[in-house]
Amino acid sequence: MFSKEASKALRKEFWISFGKSFPRKWILYNTKIKNFSFKFYFDTKKALVALDIEDPDLEKRIHYYEKLESLKSALTENYLPDAIYSDIYFLENGKEISRIYVLKENVCIHNKNTWQETMQFLNETMIKFEEFYTDFEDFIKS
């Protein structure tokens, strides 16, 4: 069991180490679509790379999700075969979003022995997600 402070310090150490190991300018929030962003996530049970559609306007959220759903075969056949599509996804704070993500289970941010494989997973997955987005950006934005 880790104290809140020790957990926070480990998280900080992981993300600093990740940034140094894989220095790169990620797209993340710079998609040029409001409430449409890429995210890294790592906790005590799993890691994931996600494309979140968080628009409070349900029609806009559905619009972008349906565009991405129409590209599902392209994404899973050419970039990320393990991508999971979720039109309704609840964040820990209860907020409802739409999310497409790739999950890696059985890794723990508190266990440094899983850090290297998690860093490689996050890096490789985000690169492929960004390639997909860049290739289909004009269609997604239209």
Foldseek 3Di string as FASTA:
>chain_A
DDDPVRQVVLVVVLVVVLCVVDPDDACACVLPDPQWGWDWDAAAWKTKIKTKRQDPPLVVQVLLLVLVVVCVCVCLVPFNVQKDWASWDADPVRRTITMIMHMDGDAHSVDPVRSVVNSVVNVRNSVSVVVVCVVCVVSSVD
